[in-house]
Amino acid sequence: MRTPDIFVDEKEVQKRVKDGWIKSWMMIEVLASSEEAAKKSLENHVVKLGREKNTKIVKQVFHDVEKKETPNLPVKEAYGNLVELEVLTASYDVLVFLVMNYAPSALEIQEPKELRLKAGEAQSILNSIADMLHTFAARGLGGVVINRT
């Protein structure tokens, strides 16, 4: 699935990186109960990611859906799929947002080779992480354990 409005070409990549954007590679995996669900859910996930503000997709490579054994899950078999993406983000804060909300299995910052964060951007990132932890805790999905010692 290729949605033209979320992609940029190599010329635009170089221009944006020169303007301070960050180029990253990431891999996103999905496990689903059917082959079609694995394929469609991952395609939709990528389109949604590409439509995020200050985000553009440079390249996407979808791998073949594979049948997986699932001994630790209630279902006997499932279908896995993965996509490799090259993504441009306007800032490190946007990249952290993508990681927190789209859950890549792996990520590599390709350009620039060095990043500098302003205190406000670092603070925004830390507040986003704190907010996510509180959201998990409020839903009973985790939190931070504090020991009295």
N, C-alpha and C. Protein backbone atom coordinates (compact mmCIF):
# COMPACT_ATOMS: atom_id res chain seq x y z
N MET A 1 0.85 -1.17 0.00
CA MET A 1 0.00 0.00 0.00
C MET A 1 0.90 1.24 0.00
N ARG A 2 0.68 2.11 -0.97
CA ARG A 2 1.51 3.31 -1.06
C ARG A 2 0.59 4.52 -1.17
N THR A 3 0.60 5.35 -0.16
CA THR A 3 -0.21 6.56 -0.14
C THR A 3 0.72 7.74 -0.44
N PRO A 4 0.61 8.34 -1.62
CA PRO A 4 1.58 9.35 -2.08
C PRO A 4 1.82 10.51 -1.12
N ASP A 5 0.80 10.97 -0.41
CA ASP A 5 0.95 12.15 0.44
C ASP A 5 1.86 11.95 1.65
N ILE A 6 2.21 10.73 1.97
CA ILE A 6 3.05 10.49 3.15
C ILE A 6 4.51 10.22 2.79
N PHE A 7 4.84 10.22 1.50
CA PHE A 7 6.19 9.89 1.04
C PHE A 7 6.94 11.12 0.54
N VAL A 8 8.26 11.05 0.64
CA VAL A 8 9.13 12.07 0.06
C VAL A 8 10.21 11.38 -0.76
N ASP A 9 10.73 12.08 -1.77
CA ASP A 9 11.79 11.51 -2.59
C ASP A 9 13.16 11.88 -2.00
N GLU A 10 14.21 11.31 -2.58
CA GLU A 10 15.57 11.48 -2.05
C GLU A 10 16.02 12.94 -2.05
N LYS A 11 15.62 13.70 -3.04
CA LYS A 11 15.98 15.13 -3.09
C LYS A 11 15.37 15.87 -1.90
N GLU A 12 14.12 15.56 -1.60
CA GLU A 12 13.44 16.18 -0.46
C GLU A 12 14.05 15.71 0.86
N VAL A 13 14.49 14.46 0.91
CA VAL A 13 15.15 13.93 2.11
C VAL A 13 16.38 14.76 2.43
N GLN A 14 17.24 14.96 1.44
CA GLN A 14 18.48 15.71 1.66
C GLN A 14 18.20 17.15 2.09
N LYS A 15 17.19 17.77 1.48
CA LYS A 15 16.82 19.14 1.85
C LYS A 15 16.37 19.19 3.31
N ARG A 16 15.50 18.27 3.68
CA ARG A 16 14.96 18.29 5.05
C ARG A 16 16.03 17.95 6.09
N VAL A 17 16.90 17.00 5.79
CA VAL A 17 17.99 16.67 6.73
C VAL A 17 18.88 17.90 6.91
N LYS A 18 19.15 18.60 5.83
CA LYS A 18 19.95 19.84 5.90
C LYS A 18 19.25 20.89 6.78
N ASP A 19 17.90 20.86 6.77
CA ASP A 19 17.10 21.80 7.57
C ASP A 19 16.90 21.32 9.01
N GLY A 20 17.52 20.19 9.38
CA GLY A 20 17.46 19.73 10.76
C GLY A 20 16.56 18.53 11.02
N TRP A 21 15.93 17.98 9.98
CA TRP A 21 15.11 16.80 10.18
C TRP A 21 16.00 15.58 10.44
N ILE A 22 15.42 14.55 11.02
CA ILE A 22 16.15 13.33 11.37
C ILE A 22 15.68 12.19 10.48
N LYS A 23 16.63 11.49 9.88
CA LYS A 23 16.31 10.32 9.05
C LYS A 23 16.62 9.07 9.87
N SER A 24 15.63 8.20 9.99
CA SER A 24 15.77 6.98 10.78
C SER A 24 15.29 5.77 10.01
N TRP A 25 15.84 4.62 10.37
CA TRP A 25 15.35 3.32 9.89
C TRP A 25 14.66 2.68 11.07
N MET A 26 13.53 2.06 10.82
CA MET A 26 12.86 1.31 11.89
C MET A 26 12.19 0.07 11.32
N MET A 27 12.03 -0.90 12.19
CA MET A 27 11.34 -2.13 11.82
C MET A 27 10.16 -2.29 12.77
N ILE A 28 9.00 -2.56 12.19
CA ILE A 28 7.79 -2.77 12.99
C ILE A 28 7.26 -4.16 12.67
N GLU A 29 6.92 -4.90 13.73
CA GLU A 29 6.41 -6.27 13.58
C GLU A 29 4.98 -6.35 14.11
N VAL A 30 4.22 -7.28 13.55
CA VAL A 30 2.86 -7.52 14.02
C VAL A 30 2.62 -9.02 14.08
N LEU A 31 1.80 -9.44 15.02
CA LEU A 31 1.38 -10.83 15.15
C LEU A 31 -0.14 -10.81 15.19
N ALA A 32 -0.78 -11.58 14.31
CA ALA A 32 -2.24 -11.56 14.21
C ALA A 32 -2.79 -12.97 14.04
N SER A 33 -4.10 -13.08 14.17
CA SER A 33 -4.75 -14.40 14.12
C SER A 33 -4.97 -14.91 12.70
N SER A 34 -4.84 -14.03 11.70
CA SER A 34 -4.99 -14.48 10.32
C SER A 34 -3.96 -13.78 9.44
N GLU A 35 -3.70 -14.38 8.29
CA GLU A 35 -2.75 -13.81 7.35
C GLU A 35 -3.21 -12.42 6.90
N GLU A 36 -4.48 -12.31 6.58
CA GLU A 36 -5.02 -11.03 6.11
C GLU A 36 -4.94 -9.96 7.21
N ALA A 37 -5.25 -10.33 8.44
CA ALA A 37 -5.18 -9.37 9.54
C ALA A 37 -3.76 -8.88 9.75
N ALA A 38 -2.78 -9.78 9.64
CA ALA A 38 -1.38 -9.39 9.80
C ALA A 38 -0.98 -8.38 8.72
N LYS A 39 -1.38 -8.66 7.50
CA LYS A 39 -1.03 -7.79 6.36
C LYS A 39 -1.72 -6.44 6.46
N LYS A 40 -3.04 -6.45 6.61
CA LYS A 40 -3.83 -5.21 6.60
C LYS A 40 -3.53 -4.33 7.81
N SER A 41 -3.41 -4.94 8.99
CA SER A 41 -3.18 -4.12 10.18
C SER A 41 -1.83 -3.41 10.11
N LEU A 42 -0.82 -4.09 9.57
CA LEU A 42 0.49 -3.46 9.46
C LEU A 42 0.47 -2.36 8.39
N GLU A 43 -0.19 -2.61 7.28
CA GLU A 43 -0.31 -1.57 6.24
C GLU A 43 -1.00 -0.32 6.80
N ASN A 44 -2.10 -0.52 7.52
CA ASN A 44 -2.82 0.61 8.11
C ASN A 44 -1.99 1.34 9.15
N HIS A 45 -1.22 0.59 9.93
CA HIS A 45 -0.34 1.16 10.95
C HIS A 45 0.69 2.09 10.30
N VAL A 46 1.26 1.65 9.18
CA VAL A 46 2.27 2.45 8.47
C VAL A 46 1.65 3.72 7.89
N VAL A 47 0.47 3.61 7.31
CA VAL A 47 -0.19 4.80 6.76
C VAL A 47 -0.48 5.81 7.88
N LYS A 48 -0.97 5.31 9.00
CA LYS A 48 -1.25 6.20 10.14
C LYS A 48 0.03 6.88 10.62
N LEU A 49 1.13 6.12 10.72
CA LEU A 49 2.42 6.69 11.12
C LEU A 49 2.83 7.79 10.14
N GLY A 50 2.71 7.52 8.85
CA GLY A 50 3.12 8.49 7.84
C GLY A 50 2.30 9.75 7.83
N ARG A 51 1.10 9.69 8.38
CA ARG A 51 0.23 10.88 8.42
C ARG A 51 0.41 11.70 9.68
N GLU A 52 1.28 11.25 10.58
CA GLU A 52 1.55 12.04 11.78
C GLU A 52 2.19 13.37 11.38
N LYS A 53 1.89 14.40 12.14
CA LYS A 53 2.45 15.73 11.89
C LYS A 53 3.98 15.67 11.96
N ASN A 54 4.64 16.36 11.05
CA ASN A 54 6.10 16.45 11.01
C ASN A 54 6.79 15.10 10.80
N THR A 55 6.13 14.23 10.05
CA THR A 55 6.65 12.90 9.74
C THR A 55 6.45 12.61 8.26
N LYS A 56 7.47 12.05 7.62
CA LYS A 56 7.36 11.61 6.23
C LYS A 56 8.04 10.25 6.11
N ILE A 57 7.52 9.42 5.23
CA ILE A 57 8.14 8.13 4.95
C ILE A 57 8.99 8.25 3.70
N VAL A 58 10.22 7.77 3.79
CA VAL A 58 11.14 7.78 2.66
C VAL A 58 10.99 6.49 1.88
N LYS A 59 10.91 5.39 2.61
CA LYS A 59 10.89 4.07 1.98
C LYS A 59 10.18 3.08 2.89
N GLN A 60 9.49 2.12 2.29
CA GLN A 60 8.87 1.05 3.06
C GLN A 60 9.10 -0.28 2.34
N VAL A 61 9.45 -1.29 3.11
CA VAL A 61 9.63 -2.63 2.55
C VAL A 61 8.86 -3.60 3.43
N PHE A 62 7.74 -4.10 2.89
CA PHE A 62 6.95 -5.09 3.60
C PHE A 62 7.51 -6.47 3.29
N HIS A 63 7.68 -7.28 4.32
CA HIS A 63 8.13 -8.65 4.15
C HIS A 63 6.91 -9.56 4.00
N ASP A 64 7.15 -10.80 3.60
CA ASP A 64 6.06 -11.76 3.46
C ASP A 64 5.50 -12.14 4.83
N VAL A 65 4.21 -12.36 4.87
CA VAL A 65 3.56 -12.84 6.09
C VAL A 65 3.99 -14.28 6.32
N GLU A 66 4.32 -14.61 7.57
CA GLU A 66 4.76 -15.96 7.92
C GLU A 66 3.89 -16.55 9.02
N LYS A 67 3.63 -17.84 8.90
CA LYS A 67 2.92 -18.56 9.95
C LYS A 67 3.89 -18.76 11.11
N LYS A 68 3.42 -18.49 12.34
CA LYS A 68 4.28 -18.58 13.52
C LYS A 68 3.69 -19.55 14.54
N GLU A 69 4.56 -20.28 15.21
CA GLU A 69 4.14 -21.09 16.35
C GLU A 69 4.04 -20.16 17.55
N THR A 70 3.06 -20.38 18.40
CA THR A 70 2.85 -19.49 19.55
C THR A 70 2.65 -20.29 20.83
N PRO A 71 3.69 -20.97 21.31
CA PRO A 71 3.53 -21.83 22.49
C PRO A 71 3.16 -21.07 23.77
N ASN A 72 3.48 -19.79 23.86
CA ASN A 72 3.21 -19.02 25.08
C ASN A 72 1.93 -18.19 25.00
N LEU A 73 1.16 -18.37 23.95
CA LEU A 73 -0.09 -17.62 23.79
C LEU A 73 -1.27 -18.59 23.78
N PRO A 74 -2.48 -18.09 24.04
CA PRO A 74 -3.65 -18.97 24.06
C PRO A 74 -4.00 -19.57 22.70
N VAL A 75 -3.52 -18.98 21.62
CA VAL A 75 -3.78 -19.53 20.28
C VAL A 75 -2.60 -20.40 19.86
N LYS A 76 -2.88 -21.45 19.10
CA LYS A 76 -1.82 -22.39 18.69
C LYS A 76 -0.92 -21.82 17.59
N GLU A 77 -1.51 -21.03 16.70
CA GLU A 77 -0.72 -20.46 15.62
C GLU A 77 -1.19 -19.04 15.33
N ALA A 78 -0.29 -18.29 14.76
CA ALA A 78 -0.59 -16.91 14.41
C ALA A 78 0.22 -16.57 13.16
N TYR A 79 0.02 -15.37 12.68
CA TYR A 79 0.72 -14.92 11.47
C TYR A 79 1.47 -13.65 11.79
N GLY A 80 2.75 -13.66 11.42
CA GLY A 80 3.60 -12.51 11.68
C GLY A 80 3.95 -11.79 10.39
N ASN A 81 4.11 -10.50 10.50
CA ASN A 81 4.52 -9.69 9.36
C ASN A 81 5.41 -8.58 9.89
N LEU A 82 6.29 -8.09 9.04
CA LEU A 82 7.12 -6.97 9.44
C LEU A 82 7.36 -6.05 8.26
N VAL A 83 7.64 -4.81 8.61
CA VAL A 83 7.94 -3.79 7.61
C VAL A 83 9.20 -3.06 8.06
N GLU A 84 10.05 -2.75 7.11
CA GLU A 84 11.20 -1.89 7.36
C GLU A 84 10.87 -0.54 6.76
N LEU A 85 11.10 0.51 7.54
CA LEU A 85 10.79 1.86 7.10
C LEU A 85 12.00 2.77 7.22
N GLU A 86 12.13 3.69 6.29
CA GLU A 86 13.00 4.84 6.47
C GLU A 86 12.05 6.01 6.66
N VAL A 87 12.26 6.76 7.73
CA VAL A 87 11.33 7.80 8.13
C VAL A 87 12.08 9.10 8.38
N LEU A 88 11.45 10.21 8.02
CA LEU A 88 11.96 11.54 8.36
C LEU A 88 11.07 12.14 9.44
N THR A 89 11.69 12.70 10.47
CA THR A 89 10.93 13.41 11.50
C THR A 89 11.55 14.79 11.69
N ALA A 90 10.70 15.77 11.99
CA ALA A 90 11.16 17.15 12.11
C ALA A 90 12.01 17.38 13.35
N SER A 91 11.89 16.50 14.35
CA SER A 91 12.65 16.68 15.59
C SER A 91 12.80 15.34 16.31
N TYR A 92 13.66 15.35 17.30
CA TYR A 92 13.85 14.17 18.13
C TYR A 92 12.57 13.88 18.93
N ASP A 93 11.90 14.92 19.36
CA ASP A 93 10.64 14.78 20.09
C ASP A 93 9.61 14.01 19.25
N VAL A 94 9.51 14.33 17.97
CA VAL A 94 8.58 13.63 17.08
C VAL A 94 9.00 12.16 16.94
N LEU A 95 10.30 11.91 16.83
CA LEU A 95 10.79 10.54 16.72
C LEU A 95 10.44 9.74 17.98
N VAL A 96 10.62 10.33 19.15
CA VAL A 96 10.26 9.66 20.40
C VAL A 96 8.75 9.37 20.41
N PHE A 97 7.95 10.32 19.95
CA PHE A 97 6.50 10.11 19.86
C PHE A 97 6.19 8.89 19.00
N LEU A 98 6.86 8.78 17.85
CA LEU A 98 6.62 7.63 16.96
C LEU A 98 6.99 6.32 17.66
N VAL A 99 8.12 6.31 18.35
CA VAL A 99 8.55 5.10 19.05
C VAL A 99 7.53 4.71 20.12
N MET A 100 7.05 5.70 20.87
CA MET A 100 6.10 5.41 21.95
C MET A 100 4.73 4.99 21.43
N ASN A 101 4.33 5.47 20.27
CA ASN A 101 2.98 5.22 19.78
C ASN A 101 2.88 4.19 18.66
N TYR A 102 4.00 3.87 18.02
CA TYR A 102 3.97 2.90 16.92
C TYR A 102 4.85 1.68 17.19
N ALA A 103 5.57 1.67 18.30
CA ALA A 103 6.27 0.51 18.84
C ALA A 103 7.16 -0.25 17.86
N PRO A 104 8.13 0.43 17.25
CA PRO A 104 9.06 -0.35 16.42
C PRO A 104 9.87 -1.33 17.27
N SER A 105 10.24 -2.45 16.67
CA SER A 105 11.07 -3.44 17.35
C SER A 105 12.52 -3.00 17.39
N ALA A 106 12.92 -2.22 16.39
CA ALA A 106 14.30 -1.74 16.30
C ALA A 106 14.29 -0.39 15.60
N LEU A 107 15.29 0.42 15.92
CA LEU A 107 15.40 1.75 15.34
C LEU A 107 16.87 2.14 15.22
N GLU A 108 17.19 2.80 14.13
CA GLU A 108 18.55 3.33 13.93
C GLU A 108 18.43 4.73 13.37
N ILE A 109 19.07 5.70 14.03
CA ILE A 109 19.13 7.06 13.49
C ILE A 109 20.24 7.07 12.45
N GLN A 110 19.89 7.39 11.21
CA GLN A 110 20.86 7.38 10.12
C GLN A 110 21.51 8.75 9.90
N GLU A 111 20.71 9.80 9.96
CA GLU A 111 21.23 11.16 9.79
C GLU A 111 20.44 12.09 10.69
N PRO A 112 21.06 13.08 11.26
CA PRO A 112 22.48 13.40 11.26
C PRO A 112 23.25 12.46 12.20
N LYS A 113 24.54 12.55 12.15
CA LYS A 113 25.38 11.69 12.98
C LYS A 113 25.43 12.16 14.43
N GLU A 114 25.07 13.41 14.66
CA GLU A 114 25.08 13.96 16.01
C GLU A 114 23.81 14.77 16.23
N LEU A 115 23.21 14.64 17.42
CA LEU A 115 22.00 15.38 17.76
C LEU A 115 22.25 16.27 18.96
N ARG A 116 21.65 17.45 18.94
CA ARG A 116 21.69 18.35 20.09
C ARG A 116 20.25 18.63 20.49
N LEU A 117 19.98 18.53 21.77
CA LEU A 117 18.63 18.80 22.27
C LEU A 117 18.63 20.07 23.10
N LYS A 118 17.63 20.89 22.88
CA LYS A 118 17.41 22.04 23.76
C LYS A 118 16.73 21.50 25.01
N ALA A 119 16.90 22.17 26.11
CA ALA A 119 16.33 21.72 27.38
C ALA A 119 14.82 21.54 27.27
N GLY A 120 14.14 22.44 26.57
CA GLY A 120 12.69 22.34 26.41
C GLY A 120 12.27 21.09 25.66
N GLU A 121 13.05 20.70 24.65
CA GLU A 121 12.73 19.49 23.90
C GLU A 121 12.96 18.25 24.77
N ALA A 122 14.06 18.24 25.51
CA ALA A 122 14.34 17.12 26.42
C ALA A 122 13.23 17.01 27.48
N GLN A 123 12.80 18.15 27.99
CA GLN A 123 11.73 18.18 28.99
C GLN A 123 10.43 17.64 28.40
N SER A 124 10.11 18.03 27.19
CA SER A 124 8.90 17.56 26.52
C SER A 124 8.92 16.04 26.35
N ILE A 125 10.07 15.51 25.97
CA ILE A 125 10.22 14.06 25.80
C ILE A 125 10.00 13.34 27.14
N LEU A 126 10.63 13.84 28.18
CA LEU A 126 10.50 13.21 29.49
C LEU A 126 9.06 13.28 30.00
N ASN A 127 8.38 14.41 29.75
CA ASN A 127 6.97 14.52 30.13
C ASN A 127 6.10 13.53 29.36
N SER A 128 6.42 13.30 28.09
CA SER A 128 5.68 12.32 27.29
C SER A 128 5.84 10.92 27.86
N ILE A 129 7.05 10.58 28.26
CA ILE A 129 7.31 9.27 28.87
C ILE A 129 6.56 9.14 30.19
N ALA A 130 6.62 10.18 31.02
CA ALA A 130 5.92 10.17 32.30
C ALA A 130 4.41 10.02 32.08
N ASP A 131 3.88 10.73 31.09
CA ASP A 131 2.45 10.64 30.79
C ASP A 131 2.06 9.22 30.38
N MET A 132 2.90 8.58 29.57
CA MET A 132 2.60 7.22 29.15
C MET A 132 2.62 6.26 30.34
N LEU A 133 3.59 6.41 31.24
CA LEU A 133 3.64 5.57 32.44
C LEU A 133 2.38 5.74 33.28
N HIS A 134 1.93 6.98 33.43
CA HIS A 134 0.71 7.25 34.21
C HIS A 134 -0.52 6.68 33.52
N THR A 135 -0.56 6.73 32.19
CA THR A 135 -1.67 6.14 31.44
C THR A 135 -1.73 4.63 31.68
N PHE A 136 -0.57 3.97 31.62
CA PHE A 136 -0.53 2.52 31.88
C PHE A 136 -1.01 2.23 33.30
N ALA A 137 -0.52 3.00 34.27
CA ALA A 137 -0.89 2.77 35.66
C ALA A 137 -2.39 2.98 35.87
N ALA A 138 -2.96 4.01 35.25
CA ALA A 138 -4.39 4.30 35.40
C ALA A 138 -5.26 3.19 34.81
N ARG A 139 -4.74 2.48 33.83
CA ARG A 139 -5.49 1.39 33.21
C ARG A 139 -5.18 0.03 33.85
N GLY A 140 -4.35 0.06 34.89
CA GLY A 140 -4.00 -1.18 35.57
C GLY A 140 -3.03 -2.04 34.79
N LEU A 141 -2.27 -1.42 33.89
CA LEU A 141 -1.34 -2.17 33.03
C LEU A 141 0.11 -2.05 33.47
N GLY A 142 0.35 -1.47 34.61
CA GLY A 142 1.72 -1.32 35.07
C GLY A 142 1.87 -0.03 35.84
N GLY A 143 3.08 0.30 36.09
CA GLY A 143 3.39 1.50 36.86
C GLY A 143 4.77 1.32 37.45
N VAL A 144 5.11 2.20 38.35
CA VAL A 144 6.41 2.14 38.99
C VAL A 144 6.21 1.70 40.43
N VAL A 145 6.97 0.71 40.85
CA VAL A 145 6.89 0.22 42.23
C VAL A 145 7.87 1.01 43.07
N ILE A 146 7.37 1.56 44.16
CA ILE A 146 8.22 2.34 45.07
C ILE A 146 8.39 1.54 46.34
N ASN A 147 9.64 1.29 46.72
CA ASN A 147 9.95 0.54 47.94
C ASN A 147 10.19 1.48 49.10
N ARG A 148 9.75 1.07 50.28
CA ARG A 148 10.08 1.82 51.50
C ARG A 148 11.33 1.19 52.08
N THR A 149 12.43 1.84 51.94
CA THR A 149 13.68 1.33 52.53
C THR A 149 14.43 2.42 53.21
